[in-house]
């Protein structure tokens, strides 16, 4: 096995971030949406906004998600091609 063919650290960070059920659900759903804000995620998942924000922070730090501000809302989306590839594979399982 050759570890020099892939960025092992980057994939480890992505897998670690996706290892929590809530983060996996957030990222999986965002992979199929253009973007979403914390309020909508909180309502859909029935999870408190501060909890969602903590999970989003972990996903952003792992470079799974990116964000941008629209007015007073921050919208999140999956732009990392490696994360998208991993999340799209889950649909095939």
PDB file of N, CA and C in Angstrom:
ATOM      1  N   UNK A   1       0.851  -1.190   0.000  1.00  0.00           N
ATOM      2  CA  UNK A   1       0.000   0.000   0.000  1.00  0.00           C
ATOM      3  C   UNK A   1       0.885   1.238   0.000  1.00  0.00           C
ATOM      4  N   UNK A   2       0.574   2.163  -0.859  1.00  0.00           N
ATOM      5  CA  UNK A   2       1.388   3.368  -0.983  1.00  0.00           C
ATOM      6  C   UNK A   2       0.629   4.558  -0.405  1.00  0.00           C
ATOM      7  N   UNK A   3       1.131   5.104   0.678  1.00  0.00           N
ATOM      8  CA  UNK A   3       0.480   6.268   1.287  1.00  0.00           C
ATOM      9  C   UNK A   3       0.856   7.567   0.592  1.00  0.00           C
ATOM     10  N   UNK A   4       1.883   7.530  -0.251  1.00  0.00           N
ATOM     11  CA  UNK A   4       2.292   8.751  -0.933  1.00  0.00           C
ATOM     12  C   UNK A   4       1.389   9.090  -2.119  1.00  0.00           C
ATOM     13  N   UNK A   5       0.444   8.194  -2.469  1.00  0.00           N
ATOM     14  CA  UNK A   5      -0.466   8.447  -3.578  1.00  0.00           C
ATOM     15  C   UNK A   5      -1.691   9.249  -3.161  1.00  0.00           C
ATOM     16  N   UNK A   6      -1.970   9.294  -1.862  1.00  0.00           N
ATOM     17  CA  UNK A   6      -3.099  10.077  -1.353  1.00  0.00           C
ATOM     18  C   UNK A   6      -2.630  10.913  -0.171  1.00  0.00           C
ATOM     19  N   UNK A   7      -3.349  11.966   0.110  1.00  0.00           N
ATOM     20  CA  UNK A   7      -3.040  12.794   1.271  1.00  0.00           C
ATOM     21  C   UNK A   7      -3.722  12.156   2.478  1.00  0.00           C
ATOM     22  N   UNK A   8      -3.014  11.299   3.163  1.00  0.00           N
ATOM     23  CA  UNK A   8      -3.559  10.525   4.269  1.00  0.00           C
ATOM     24  C   UNK A   8      -4.105  11.433   5.364  1.00  0.00           C
ATOM     25  N   UNK A   9      -3.380  12.487   5.706  1.00  0.00           N
ATOM     26  CA  UNK A   9      -3.819  13.391   6.774  1.00  0.00           C
ATOM     27  C   UNK A   9      -5.146  14.063   6.433  1.00  0.00           C
ATOM     28  N   UNK A  10      -5.294  14.461   5.172  1.00  0.00           N
ATOM     29  CA  UNK A  10      -6.533  15.121   4.764  1.00  0.00           C
ATOM     30  C   UNK A  10      -7.718  14.149   4.846  1.00  0.00           C
ATOM     31  N   UNK A  11      -7.528  12.933   4.352  1.00  0.00           N
ATOM     32  CA  UNK A  11      -8.601  11.947   4.425  1.00  0.00           C
ATOM     33  C   UNK A  11      -8.919  11.564   5.864  1.00  0.00           C
ATOM     34  N   UNK A  12      -7.913  11.453   6.706  1.00  0.00           N
ATOM     35  CA  UNK A  12      -8.145  11.141   8.118  1.00  0.00           C
ATOM     36  C   UNK A  12      -8.987  12.228   8.786  1.00  0.00           C
ATOM     37  N   UNK A  13      -8.692  13.489   8.481  1.00  0.00           N
ATOM     38  CA  UNK A  13      -9.466  14.603   9.048  1.00  0.00           C
ATOM     39  C   UNK A  13     -10.916  14.549   8.585  1.00  0.00           C
ATOM     40  N   UNK A  14     -11.125  14.236   7.314  1.00  0.00           N
ATOM     41  CA  UNK A  14     -12.488  14.141   6.786  1.00  0.00           C
ATOM     42  C   UNK A  14     -13.238  12.996   7.458  1.00  0.00           C
ATOM     43  N   UNK A  15     -12.616  11.811   7.506  1.00  0.00           N
ATOM     44  CA  UNK A  15     -13.278  10.658   8.124  1.00  0.00           C
ATOM     45  C   UNK A  15     -13.553  10.887   9.607  1.00  0.00           C
ATOM     46  N   UNK A  16     -12.624  11.521  10.296  1.00  0.00           N
ATOM     47  CA  UNK A  16     -12.819  11.804  11.720  1.00  0.00           C
ATOM     48  C   UNK A  16     -14.003  12.747  11.914  1.00  0.00           C
ATOM     49  N   UNK A  17     -14.094  13.770  11.077  1.00  0.00           N
ATOM     50  CA  UNK A  17     -15.205  14.726  11.185  1.00  0.00           C
ATOM     51  C   UNK A  17     -16.535  14.054  10.871  1.00  0.00           C
ATOM     52  N   UNK A  18     -16.548  13.143   9.920  1.00  0.00           N
ATOM     53  CA  UNK A  18     -17.790  12.472   9.526  1.00  0.00           C
ATOM     54  C   UNK A  18     -18.153  11.304  10.444  1.00  0.00           C
ATOM     55  N   UNK A  19     -17.292  10.973  11.400  1.00  0.00           N
ATOM     56  CA  UNK A  19     -17.514   9.801  12.249  1.00  0.00           C
ATOM     57  C   UNK A  19     -18.665   9.963  13.241  1.00  0.00           C
ATOM     58  N   UNK A  20     -19.101  11.185  13.495  1.00  0.00           N
ATOM     59  CA  UNK A  20     -20.221  11.413  14.420  1.00  0.00           C
ATOM     60  C   UNK A  20     -21.526  11.372  13.628  1.00  0.00           C
ATOM     61  N   UNK A  21     -22.552  10.671  14.134  1.00  0.00           N
ATOM     62  CA  UNK A  21     -23.806  10.536  13.383  1.00  0.00           C
ATOM     63  C   UNK A  21     -24.438  11.868  12.958  1.00  0.00           C
ATOM     64  N   UNK A  22     -24.446  12.846  13.836  1.00  0.00           N
ATOM     65  CA  UNK A  22     -25.054  14.132  13.489  1.00  0.00           C
ATOM     66  C   UNK A  22     -24.271  14.834  12.396  1.00  0.00           C
ATOM     67  N   UNK A  23     -22.954  14.813  12.483  1.00  0.00           N
ATOM     68  CA  UNK A  23     -22.134  15.454  11.458  1.00  0.00           C
ATOM     69  C   UNK A  23     -22.267  14.739  10.119  1.00  0.00           C
ATOM     70  N   UNK A  24     -22.370  13.418  10.157  1.00  0.00           N
ATOM     71  CA  UNK A  24     -22.552  12.664   8.922  1.00  0.00           C
ATOM     72  C   UNK A  24     -23.883  13.028   8.270  1.00  0.00           C
ATOM     73  N   UNK A  25     -24.933  13.144   9.056  1.00  0.00           N
ATOM     74  CA  UNK A  25     -26.248  13.523   8.520  1.00  0.00           C
ATOM     75  C   UNK A  25     -26.194  14.928   7.930  1.00  0.00           C
ATOM     76  N   UNK A  26     -25.574  15.855   8.642  1.00  0.00           N
ATOM     77  CA  UNK A  26     -25.461  17.235   8.150  1.00  0.00           C
ATOM     78  C   UNK A  26     -24.715  17.254   6.814  1.00  0.00           C
ATOM     79  N   UNK A  27     -23.546  16.642   6.778  1.00  0.00           N
ATOM     80  CA  UNK A  27     -22.719  16.666   5.563  1.00  0.00           C
ATOM     81  C   UNK A  27     -23.399  15.930   4.415  1.00  0.00           C
ATOM     82  N   UNK A  28     -24.016  14.797   4.708  1.00  0.00           N
ATOM     83  CA  UNK A  28     -24.691  14.016   3.667  1.00  0.00           C
ATOM     84  C   UNK A  28     -25.811  14.844   3.031  1.00  0.00           C
ATOM     85  N   UNK A  29     -26.616  15.480   3.856  1.00  0.00           N
ATOM     86  CA  UNK A  29     -27.714  16.297   3.331  1.00  0.00           C
ATOM     87  C   UNK A  29     -27.196  17.517   2.572  1.00  0.00           C
ATOM     88  N   UNK A  30     -26.141  18.131   3.074  1.00  0.00           N
ATOM     89  CA  UNK A  30     -25.583  19.293   2.380  1.00  0.00           C
ATOM     90  C   UNK A  30     -24.929  18.911   1.050  1.00  0.00           C
ATOM     91  N   UNK A  31     -24.481  17.684   0.929  1.00  0.00           N
ATOM     92  CA  UNK A  31     -23.882  17.241  -0.332  1.00  0.00           C
ATOM     93  C   UNK A  31     -24.919  17.222  -1.454  1.00  0.00           C
ATOM     94  N   UNK A  32     -26.191  17.127  -1.090  1.00  0.00           N
ATOM     95  CA  UNK A  32     -27.260  17.072  -2.086  1.00  0.00           C
ATOM     96  C   UNK A  32     -28.058  18.366  -2.168  1.00  0.00           C
ATOM     97  N   UNK A  33     -27.675  19.375  -1.373  1.00  0.00           N
ATOM     98  CA  UNK A  33     -28.326  20.679  -1.421  1.00  0.00           C
ATOM     99  C   UNK A  33     -27.296  21.706  -1.847  1.00  0.00           C
ATOM    100  N   UNK A  34     -27.797  22.824  -2.337  1.00  0.00           N
ATOM    101  CA  UNK A  34     -26.869  23.907  -2.673  1.00  0.00           C
ATOM    102  C   UNK A  34     -26.210  24.439  -1.417  1.00  0.00           C
ATOM    103  N   UNK A  35     -27.019  24.769  -0.430  1.00  0.00           N
ATOM    104  CA  UNK A  35     -26.524  25.311   0.831  1.00  0.00           C
ATOM    105  C   UNK A  35     -27.678  25.360   1.825  1.00  0.00           C
ATOM    106  N   UNK A  36     -27.332  25.583   3.085  1.00  0.00           N
ATOM    107  CA  UNK A  36     -28.354  25.651   4.123  1.00  0.00           C
ATOM    108  C   UNK A  36     -27.795  26.439   5.304  1.00  0.00           C
ATOM    109  N   UNK A  37     -28.696  27.071   6.065  1.00  0.00           N
ATOM    110  CA  UNK A  37     -28.264  27.816   7.249  1.00  0.00           C
ATOM    111  C   UNK A  37     -28.550  27.020   8.518  1.00  0.00           C
ATOM    112  N   UNK A  38     -28.008  27.488   9.622  1.00  0.00           N
ATOM    113  CA  UNK A  38     -28.105  26.784  10.902  1.00  0.00           C
ATOM    114  C   UNK A  38     -29.558  26.648  11.357  1.00  0.00           C
ATOM    115  N   UNK A  39     -30.347  27.691  11.175  1.00  0.00           N
ATOM    116  CA  UNK A  39     -31.751  27.664  11.619  1.00  0.00           C
ATOM    117  C   UNK A  39     -32.509  26.542  10.927  1.00  0.00           C
ATOM    118  N   UNK A  40     -32.362  26.433   9.632  1.00  0.00           N
ATOM    119  CA  UNK A  40     -33.059  25.397   8.870  1.00  0.00           C
ATOM    120  C   UNK A  40     -32.578  24.003   9.283  1.00  0.00           C
ATOM    121  N   UNK A  41     -31.261  23.853   9.467  1.00  0.00           N
ATOM    122  CA  UNK A  41     -30.723  22.558   9.896  1.00  0.00           C
ATOM    123  C   UNK A  41     -31.276  22.174  11.259  1.00  0.00           C
ATOM    124  N   UNK A  42     -31.321  23.145  12.159  1.00  0.00           N
ATOM    125  CA  UNK A  42     -31.826  22.903  13.511  1.00  0.00           C
ATOM    126  C   UNK A  42     -33.284  22.451  13.472  1.00  0.00           C
ATOM    127  N   UNK A  43     -34.074  23.098  12.638  1.00  0.00           N
ATOM    128  CA  UNK A  43     -35.490  22.736  12.517  1.00  0.00           C
ATOM    129  C   UNK A  43     -35.652  21.341  11.909  1.00  0.00           C
ATOM    130  N   UNK A  44     -34.924  21.059  10.851  1.00  0.00           N
ATOM    131  CA  UNK A  44     -35.054  19.772  10.167  1.00  0.00           C
ATOM    132  C   UNK A  44     -34.579  18.597  11.018  1.00  0.00           C
ATOM    133  N   UNK A  45     -33.500  18.805  11.757  1.00  0.00           N
ATOM    134  CA  UNK A  45     -32.926  17.722  12.556  1.00  0.00           C
ATOM    135  C   UNK A  45     -33.459  17.683  13.984  1.00  0.00           C
ATOM    136  N   UNK A  46     -34.210  18.725  14.347  1.00  0.00           N
ATOM    137  CA  UNK A  46     -34.747  18.834  15.705  1.00  0.00           C
ATOM    138  C   UNK A  46     -33.632  18.777  16.755  1.00  0.00           C
ATOM    139  N   UNK A  47     -32.586  19.552  16.486  1.00  0.00           N
ATOM    140  CA  UNK A  47     -31.428  19.654  17.367  1.00  0.00           C
ATOM    141  C   UNK A  47     -31.191  21.136  17.635  1.00  0.00           C
ATOM    142  N   UNK A  48     -30.813  21.474  18.852  1.00  0.00           N
ATOM    143  CA  UNK A  48     -30.600  22.871  19.242  1.00  0.00           C
ATOM    144  C   UNK A  48     -29.540  23.533  18.360  1.00  0.00           C
ATOM    145  N   UNK A  49     -29.757  24.817  18.073  1.00  0.00           N
ATOM    146  CA  UNK A  49     -28.822  25.558  17.215  1.00  0.00           C
ATOM    147  C   UNK A  49     -27.383  25.554  17.727  1.00  0.00           C
ATOM    148  N   UNK A  50     -27.147  25.738  19.037  1.00  0.00           N
ATOM    149  CA  UNK A  50     -25.751  25.699  19.500  1.00  0.00           C
ATOM    150  C   UNK A  50     -25.065  24.356  19.222  1.00  0.00           C
ATOM    151  N   UNK A  51     -25.817  23.277  19.313  1.00  0.00           N
ATOM    152  CA  UNK A  51     -25.265  21.953  19.041  1.00  0.00           C
ATOM    153  C   UNK A  51     -24.923  21.820  17.556  1.00  0.00           C
ATOM    154  N   UNK A  52     -25.832  22.278  16.699  1.00  0.00           N
ATOM    155  CA  UNK A  52     -25.581  22.262  15.262  1.00  0.00           C
ATOM    156  C   UNK A  52     -24.336  23.097  14.949  1.00  0.00           C
ATOM    157  N   UNK A  53     -24.239  24.269  15.556  1.00  0.00           N
ATOM    158  CA  UNK A  53     -23.089  25.154  15.324  1.00  0.00           C
ATOM    159  C   UNK A  53     -21.773  24.491  15.710  1.00  0.00           C
ATOM    160  N   UNK A  54     -21.768  23.742  16.808  1.00  0.00           N
ATOM    161  CA  UNK A  54     -20.555  23.030  17.217  1.00  0.00           C
ATOM    162  C   UNK A  54     -20.151  21.993  16.169  1.00  0.00           C
ATOM    163  N   UNK A  55     -21.132  21.256  15.676  1.00  0.00           N
ATOM    164  CA  UNK A  55     -20.845  20.246  14.658  1.00  0.00           C
ATOM    165  C   UNK A  55     -20.368  20.897  13.362  1.00  0.00           C
ATOM    166  N   UNK A  56     -20.981  22.010  12.990  1.00  0.00           N
ATOM    167  CA  UNK A  56     -20.568  22.720  11.784  1.00  0.00           C
ATOM    168  C   UNK A  56     -19.128  23.217  11.898  1.00  0.00           C
ATOM    169  N   UNK A  57     -18.758  23.666  13.078  1.00  0.00           N
ATOM    170  CA  UNK A  57     -17.392  24.135  13.314  1.00  0.00           C
ATOM    171  C   UNK A  57     -16.386  23.006  13.089  1.00  0.00           C
ATOM    172  N   UNK A  58     -16.689  21.832  13.567  1.00  0.00           N
ATOM    173  CA  UNK A  58     -15.807  20.671  13.388  1.00  0.00           C
ATOM    174  C   UNK A  58     -15.697  20.321  11.905  1.00  0.00           C
ATOM    175  N   UNK A  59     -16.828  20.338  11.206  1.00  0.00           N
ATOM    176  CA  UNK A  59     -16.820  20.036   9.772  1.00  0.00           C
ATOM    177  C   UNK A  59     -16.049  21.089   8.981  1.00  0.00           C
ATOM    178  N   UNK A  60     -16.166  22.350   9.383  1.00  0.00           N
ATOM    179  CA  UNK A  60     -15.409  23.414   8.704  1.00  0.00           C
ATOM    180  C   UNK A  60     -13.914  23.269   8.963  1.00  0.00           C
ATOM    181  N   UNK A  61     -13.545  22.973  10.204  1.00  0.00           N
ATOM    182  CA  UNK A  61     -12.124  22.814  10.542  1.00  0.00           C
ATOM    183  C   UNK A  61     -11.484  21.657   9.783  1.00  0.00           C
ATOM    184  N   UNK A  62     -12.285  20.648   9.478  1.00  0.00           N
ATOM    185  CA  UNK A  62     -11.788  19.499   8.711  1.00  0.00           C
ATOM    186  C   UNK A  62     -11.862  19.768   7.208  1.00  0.00           C
ATOM    187  N   UNK A  63     -12.309  20.958   6.855  1.00  0.00           N
ATOM    188  CA  UNK A  63     -12.437  21.385   5.456  1.00  0.00           C
ATOM    189  C   UNK A  63     -13.446  20.554   4.669  1.00  0.00           C
ATOM    190  N   UNK A  64     -14.433  20.007   5.392  1.00  0.00           N
ATOM    191  CA  UNK A  64     -15.542  19.304   4.736  1.00  0.00           C
ATOM    192  C   UNK A  64     -16.537  20.331   4.211  1.00  0.00           C
ATOM    193  N   UNK A  65     -16.792  21.375   5.002  1.00  0.00           N
ATOM    194  CA  UNK A  65     -17.755  22.424   4.647  1.00  0.00           C
ATOM    195  C   UNK A  65     -17.063  23.759   4.440  1.00  0.00           C
ATOM    196  N   UNK A  66     -17.734  24.591   3.672  1.00  0.00           N
ATOM    197  CA  UNK A  66     -17.360  25.999   3.570  1.00  0.00           C
ATOM    198  C   UNK A  66     -18.603  26.810   3.927  1.00  0.00           C
ATOM    199  N   UNK A  67     -18.415  28.090   4.178  1.00  0.00           N
ATOM    200  CA  UNK A  67     -19.553  28.933   4.543  1.00  0.00           C
ATOM    201  C   UNK A  67     -19.399  30.314   3.939  1.00  0.00           C
ATOM    202  N   UNK A  68     -20.534  30.997   3.846  1.00  0.00           N
ATOM    203  CA  UNK A  68     -20.532  32.393   3.437  1.00  0.00           C
ATOM    204  C   UNK A  68     -21.741  33.068   4.074  1.00  0.00           C
ATOM    205  N   UNK A  69     -21.624  34.352   4.240  1.00  0.00           N
ATOM    206  CA  UNK A  69     -22.659  35.129   4.912  1.00  0.00           C
ATOM    207  C   UNK A  69     -23.606  35.757   3.896  1.00  0.00           C
ATOM    208  N   UNK A  70     -24.897  35.651   4.188  1.00  0.00           N
ATOM    209  CA  UNK A  70     -25.939  36.343   3.434  1.00  0.00           C
ATOM    210  C   UNK A  70     -26.754  37.124   4.461  1.00  0.00           C
ATOM    211  N   UNK A  71     -26.521  38.420   4.526  1.00  0.00           N
ATOM    212  CA  UNK A  71     -27.186  39.236   5.548  1.00  0.00           C
ATOM    213  C   UNK A  71     -26.718  38.816   6.925  1.00  0.00           C
ATOM    214  N   UNK A  72     -27.660  38.427   7.772  1.00  0.00           N
ATOM    215  CA  UNK A  72     -27.304  38.001   9.133  1.00  0.00           C
ATOM    216  C   UNK A  72     -27.235  36.483   9.254  1.00  0.00           C
ATOM    217  N   UNK A  73     -27.332  35.768   8.138  1.00  0.00           N
ATOM    218  CA  UNK A  73     -27.284  34.309   8.165  1.00  0.00           C
ATOM    219  C   UNK A  73     -25.977  33.814   7.558  1.00  0.00           C
ATOM    220  N   UNK A  74     -25.502  32.705   8.091  1.00  0.00           N
ATOM    221  CA  UNK A  74     -24.337  32.043   7.517  1.00  0.00           C
ATOM    222  C   UNK A  74     -24.833  30.766   6.852  1.00  0.00           C
ATOM    223  N   UNK A  75     -24.532  30.619   5.589  1.00  0.00           N
ATOM    224  CA  UNK A  75     -24.950  29.447   4.832  1.00  0.00           C
ATOM    225  C   UNK A  75     -23.753  28.513   4.641  1.00  0.00           C
ATOM    226  N   UNK A  76     -24.023  27.235   4.758  1.00  0.00           N
ATOM    227  CA  UNK A  76     -22.982  26.213   4.673  1.00  0.00           C
ATOM    228  C   UNK A  76     -23.226  25.334   3.462  1.00  0.00           C
ATOM    229  N   UNK A  77     -22.122  24.832   2.886  1.00  0.00           N
ATOM    230  CA  UNK A  77     -22.223  23.886   1.780  1.00  0.00           C
ATOM    231  C   UNK A  77     -20.974  23.020   1.740  1.00  0.00           C
ATOM    232  N   UNK A  78     -21.101  21.877   1.103  1.00  0.00           N
ATOM    233  CA  UNK A  78     -19.968  20.973   0.915  1.00  0.00           C
ATOM    234  C   UNK A  78     -19.337  21.319  -0.427  1.00  0.00           C
ATOM    235  N   UNK A  79     -18.078  21.730  -0.392  1.00  0.00           N
ATOM    236  CA  UNK A  79     -17.356  22.044  -1.623  1.00  0.00           C
ATOM    237  C   UNK A  79     -16.106  21.184  -1.802  1.00  0.00           C
ATOM    238  N   UNK A  80     -15.699  20.501  -0.761  1.00  0.00           N
ATOM    239  CA  UNK A  80     -14.498  19.677  -0.820  1.00  0.00           C
ATOM    240  C   UNK A  80     -14.768  18.465  -1.716  1.00  0.00           C
ATOM    241  N   UNK A  81     -14.070  18.355  -2.851  1.00  0.00           N
ATOM    242  CA  UNK A  81     -14.334  17.255  -3.780  1.00  0.00           C
ATOM    243  C   UNK A  81     -14.124  15.867  -3.161  1.00  0.00           C
ATOM    244  N   UNK A  82     -13.159  15.753  -2.263  1.00  0.00           N
ATOM    245  CA  UNK A  82     -12.914  14.460  -1.620  1.00  0.00           C
ATOM    246  C   UNK A  82     -14.076  14.099  -0.697  1.00  0.00           C
ATOM    247  N   UNK A  83     -14.569  15.072   0.054  1.00  0.00           N
ATOM    248  CA  UNK A  83     -15.706  14.837   0.944  1.00  0.00           C
ATOM    249  C   UNK A  83     -16.959  14.510   0.133  1.00  0.00           C
ATOM    250  N   UNK A  84     -17.162  15.222  -0.957  1.00  0.00           N
ATOM    251  CA  UNK A  84     -18.325  14.955  -1.818  1.00  0.00           C
ATOM    252  C   UNK A  84     -18.265  13.524  -2.356  1.00  0.00           C
ATOM    253  N   UNK A  85     -17.090  13.108  -2.787  1.00  0.00           N
ATOM    254  CA  UNK A  85     -16.928  11.749  -3.320  1.00  0.00           C
ATOM    255  C   UNK A  85     -17.267  10.709  -2.255  1.00  0.00           C
ATOM    256  N   UNK A  86     -16.794  10.916  -1.035  1.00  0.00           N
ATOM    257  CA  UNK A  86     -17.085   9.994   0.067  1.00  0.00           C
ATOM    258  C   UNK A  86     -18.579   9.966   0.354  1.00  0.00           C
ATOM    259  N   UNK A  87     -19.193  11.150   0.449  1.00  0.00           N
ATOM    260  CA  UNK A  87     -20.616  11.238   0.793  1.00  0.00           C
ATOM    261  C   UNK A  87     -21.500  10.662  -0.314  1.00  0.00           C
ATOM    262  N   UNK A  88     -21.131  10.844  -1.560  1.00  0.00           N
ATOM    263  CA  UNK A  88     -21.915  10.288  -2.672  1.00  0.00           C
ATOM    264  C   UNK A  88     -21.843   8.764  -2.680  1.00  0.00           C
ATOM    265  N   UNK A  89     -20.743   8.212  -2.200  1.00  0.00           N
ATOM    266  CA  UNK A  89     -20.615   6.745  -2.144  1.00  0.00           C
ATOM    267  C   UNK A  89     -21.605   6.139  -1.149  1.00  0.00           C
ATOM    268  N   UNK A  90     -21.988   6.893  -0.134  1.00  0.00           N
ATOM    269  CA  UNK A  90     -22.924   6.383   0.858  1.00  0.00           C
ATOM    270  C   UNK A  90     -24.280   6.085   0.238  1.00  0.00           C
ATOM    271  N   UNK A  91     -24.643   6.821  -0.799  1.00  0.00           N
ATOM    272  CA  UNK A  91     -25.922   6.607  -1.463  1.00  0.00           C
ATOM    273  C   UNK A  91     -25.947   5.245  -2.165  1.00  0.00           C
ATOM    274  N   UNK A  92     -24.799   4.752  -2.549  1.00  0.00           N
ATOM    275  CA  UNK A  92     -24.716   3.500  -3.290  1.00  0.00           C
ATOM    276  C   UNK A  92     -24.740   2.283  -2.376  1.00  0.00           C
ATOM    277  N   UNK A  93     -24.597   2.501  -1.076  1.00  0.00           N
ATOM    278  CA  UNK A  93     -24.521   1.386  -0.134  1.00  0.00           C
ATOM    279  C   UNK A  93     -25.891   0.807   0.103  1.00  0.00           C
TER     280      UNK A  93
END
